Amino acid sequence: MDVVFPTMSQEKPLAEGVVATWFVRDGEQVAAGQLLAEVQVDKVSKEIPAPVAGTVHLHALEEAVVVQGTVIASVD
């Protein structure tokens, strides 16, 4: 299941944000609801939980600048 960078600015849906912190490592087993990352757009931050249990695969590096809605990880 894909983990996407949430749309945090409805006024600017294609705004860029930053993957501020990963709380897990690539290949790590995670539980559903476990915190995966903290992301930021402007000065607003949000924590992203795992949507399901499984193995997490990171698709964006910490401090990477990405557009809202971009897949930043997946969990299988």
C-alpha atoms as a PDB file:
ATOM      1  CA  MET A   1       0.000   0.000   0.000  1.00  0.00           C
ATOM      2  CA  ASP A   2       1.356   3.407  -0.942  1.00  0.00           C
ATOM      3  CA  VAL A   3       2.077   6.090   1.654  1.00  0.00           C
ATOM      4  CA  VAL A   4       1.638   9.550   0.125  1.00  0.00           C
ATOM      5  CA  PHE A   5       2.741  12.963   1.262  1.00  0.00           C
ATOM      6  CA  PRO A   6      -0.572  14.460   2.448  1.00  0.00           C
ATOM      7  CA  THR A   7      -2.113  17.531   0.880  1.00  0.00           C
ATOM      8  CA  MET A   8      -1.718  20.006   3.720  1.00  0.00           C
ATOM      9  CA  SER A   9      -2.405  23.194   1.766  1.00  0.00           C
ATOM     10  CA  GLN A  10      -5.720  23.160  -0.088  1.00  0.00           C
ATOM     11  CA  GLU A  11      -4.920  26.597  -1.493  1.00  0.00           C
ATOM     12  CA  LYS A  12      -1.720  25.268  -3.101  1.00  0.00           C
ATOM     13  CA  PRO A  13      -2.296  21.544  -3.817  1.00  0.00           C
ATOM     14  CA  LEU A  14       0.988  21.264  -5.760  1.00  0.00           C
ATOM     15  CA  ALA A  15       3.006  22.944  -3.029  1.00  0.00           C
ATOM     16  CA  GLU A  16       6.284  21.358  -2.075  1.00  0.00           C
ATOM     17  CA  GLY A  17       6.944  19.981   1.378  1.00  0.00           C
ATOM     18  CA  VAL A  18       9.767  18.266   3.229  1.00  0.00           C
ATOM     19  CA  VAL A  19      10.067  14.773   4.670  1.00  0.00           C
ATOM     20  CA  ALA A  20      11.375  16.158   7.979  1.00  0.00           C
ATOM     21  CA  THR A  21      12.029  12.876   9.821  1.00  0.00           C
ATOM     22  CA  TRP A  22      11.705   9.167   9.205  1.00  0.00           C
ATOM     23  CA  PHE A  23      10.883   7.214  12.381  1.00  0.00           C
ATOM     24  CA  VAL A  24      11.583   3.874  10.633  1.00  0.00           C
ATOM     25  CA  ARG A  25      14.273   2.446   8.373  1.00  0.00           C
ATOM     26  CA  ASP A  26      13.906   0.958   4.918  1.00  0.00           C
ATOM     27  CA  GLY A  27      13.017  -2.731   5.183  1.00  0.00           C
ATOM     28  CA  GLU A  28      11.762  -2.487   8.761  1.00  0.00           C
ATOM     29  CA  GLN A  29       8.622  -4.302   9.892  1.00  0.00           C
ATOM     30  CA  VAL A  30       5.893  -1.916  11.048  1.00  0.00           C
ATOM     31  CA  ALA A  31       2.529  -2.261  12.758  1.00  0.00           C
ATOM     32  CA  ALA A  32      -0.621  -0.595  11.431  1.00  0.00           C
ATOM     33  CA  GLY A  33      -0.816   2.881  12.946  1.00  0.00           C
ATOM     34  CA  GLN A  34       2.894   3.022  13.836  1.00  0.00           C
ATOM     35  CA  LEU A  35       4.398   6.431  13.066  1.00  0.00           C
ATOM     36  CA  LEU A  36       6.443   6.375   9.878  1.00  0.00           C
ATOM     37  CA  ALA A  37       7.403   9.989   9.288  1.00  0.00           C
ATOM     38  CA  GLU A  38       6.890  13.625  10.074  1.00  0.00           C
ATOM     39  CA  VAL A  39       6.370  15.918   7.081  1.00  0.00           C
ATOM     40  CA  GLN A  40       6.224  19.703   6.783  1.00  0.00           C
ATOM     41  CA  VAL A  41       4.718  22.245   4.409  1.00  0.00           C
ATOM     42  CA  ASP A  42       5.703  25.799   5.234  1.00  0.00           C
ATOM     43  CA  LYS A  43       5.597  25.783   9.051  1.00  0.00           C
ATOM     44  CA  VAL A  44       2.876  23.147   9.400  1.00  0.00           C
ATOM     45  CA  SER A  45       3.932  19.616  10.299  1.00  0.00           C
ATOM     46  CA  LYS A  46       2.045  16.335  10.329  1.00  0.00           C
ATOM     47  CA  GLU A  47       2.884  12.798  11.442  1.00  0.00           C
ATOM     48  CA  ILE A  48       2.124   9.965   9.033  1.00  0.00           C
ATOM     49  CA  PRO A  49       1.158   6.542  10.434  1.00  0.00           C
ATOM     50  CA  ALA A  50       1.509   3.213   8.655  1.00  0.00           C
ATOM     51  CA  PRO A  51      -1.775   2.388   6.884  1.00  0.00           C
ATOM     52  CA  VAL A  52      -1.239  -1.377   7.356  1.00  0.00           C
ATOM     53  CA  ALA A  53       1.219  -3.756   9.012  1.00  0.00           C
ATOM     54  CA  GLY A  54       4.102  -5.043   6.917  1.00  0.00           C
ATOM     55  CA  THR A  55       7.534  -4.177   5.556  1.00  0.00           C
ATOM     56  CA  VAL A  56       8.154  -0.513   4.824  1.00  0.00           C
ATOM     57  CA  HIS A  57      10.031   0.610   1.707  1.00  0.00           C
ATOM     58  CA  LEU A  58      11.122   4.250   1.690  1.00  0.00           C
ATOM     59  CA  HIS A  59      10.906   6.127  -1.630  1.00  0.00           C
ATOM     60  CA  ALA A  60      12.087   9.545  -0.400  1.00  0.00           C
ATOM     61  CA  LEU A  61      15.106  10.487   1.659  1.00  0.00           C
ATOM     62  CA  GLU A  62      14.894  12.396   4.923  1.00  0.00           C
ATOM     63  CA  GLU A  63      14.926  16.152   4.202  1.00  0.00           C
ATOM     64  CA  ALA A  64      13.801  15.450   0.616  1.00  0.00           C
ATOM     65  CA  VAL A  65      11.617  18.142  -0.956  1.00  0.00           C
ATOM     66  CA  VAL A  66       8.549  16.594  -2.594  1.00  0.00           C
ATOM     67  CA  VAL A  67       5.215  17.745  -4.017  1.00  0.00           C
ATOM     68  CA  GLN A  68       2.147  17.032  -1.900  1.00  0.00           C
ATOM     69  CA  GLY A  69       0.484  13.818  -3.073  1.00  0.00           C
ATOM     70  CA  THR A  70       3.811  12.141  -4.002  1.00  0.00           C
ATOM     71  CA  VAL A  71       4.346   8.519  -2.894  1.00  0.00           C
ATOM     72  CA  ILE A  72       7.063   8.661  -0.240  1.00  0.00           C
ATOM     73  CA  ALA A  73       6.927   5.028   0.947  1.00  0.00           C
ATOM     74  CA  SER A  74       5.069   1.761   0.558  1.00  0.00           C
ATOM     75  CA  VAL A  75       4.135  -0.998   2.979  1.00  0.00           C
ATOM     76  CA  ASP A  76       3.703  -4.619   1.832  1.00  0.00           C
END
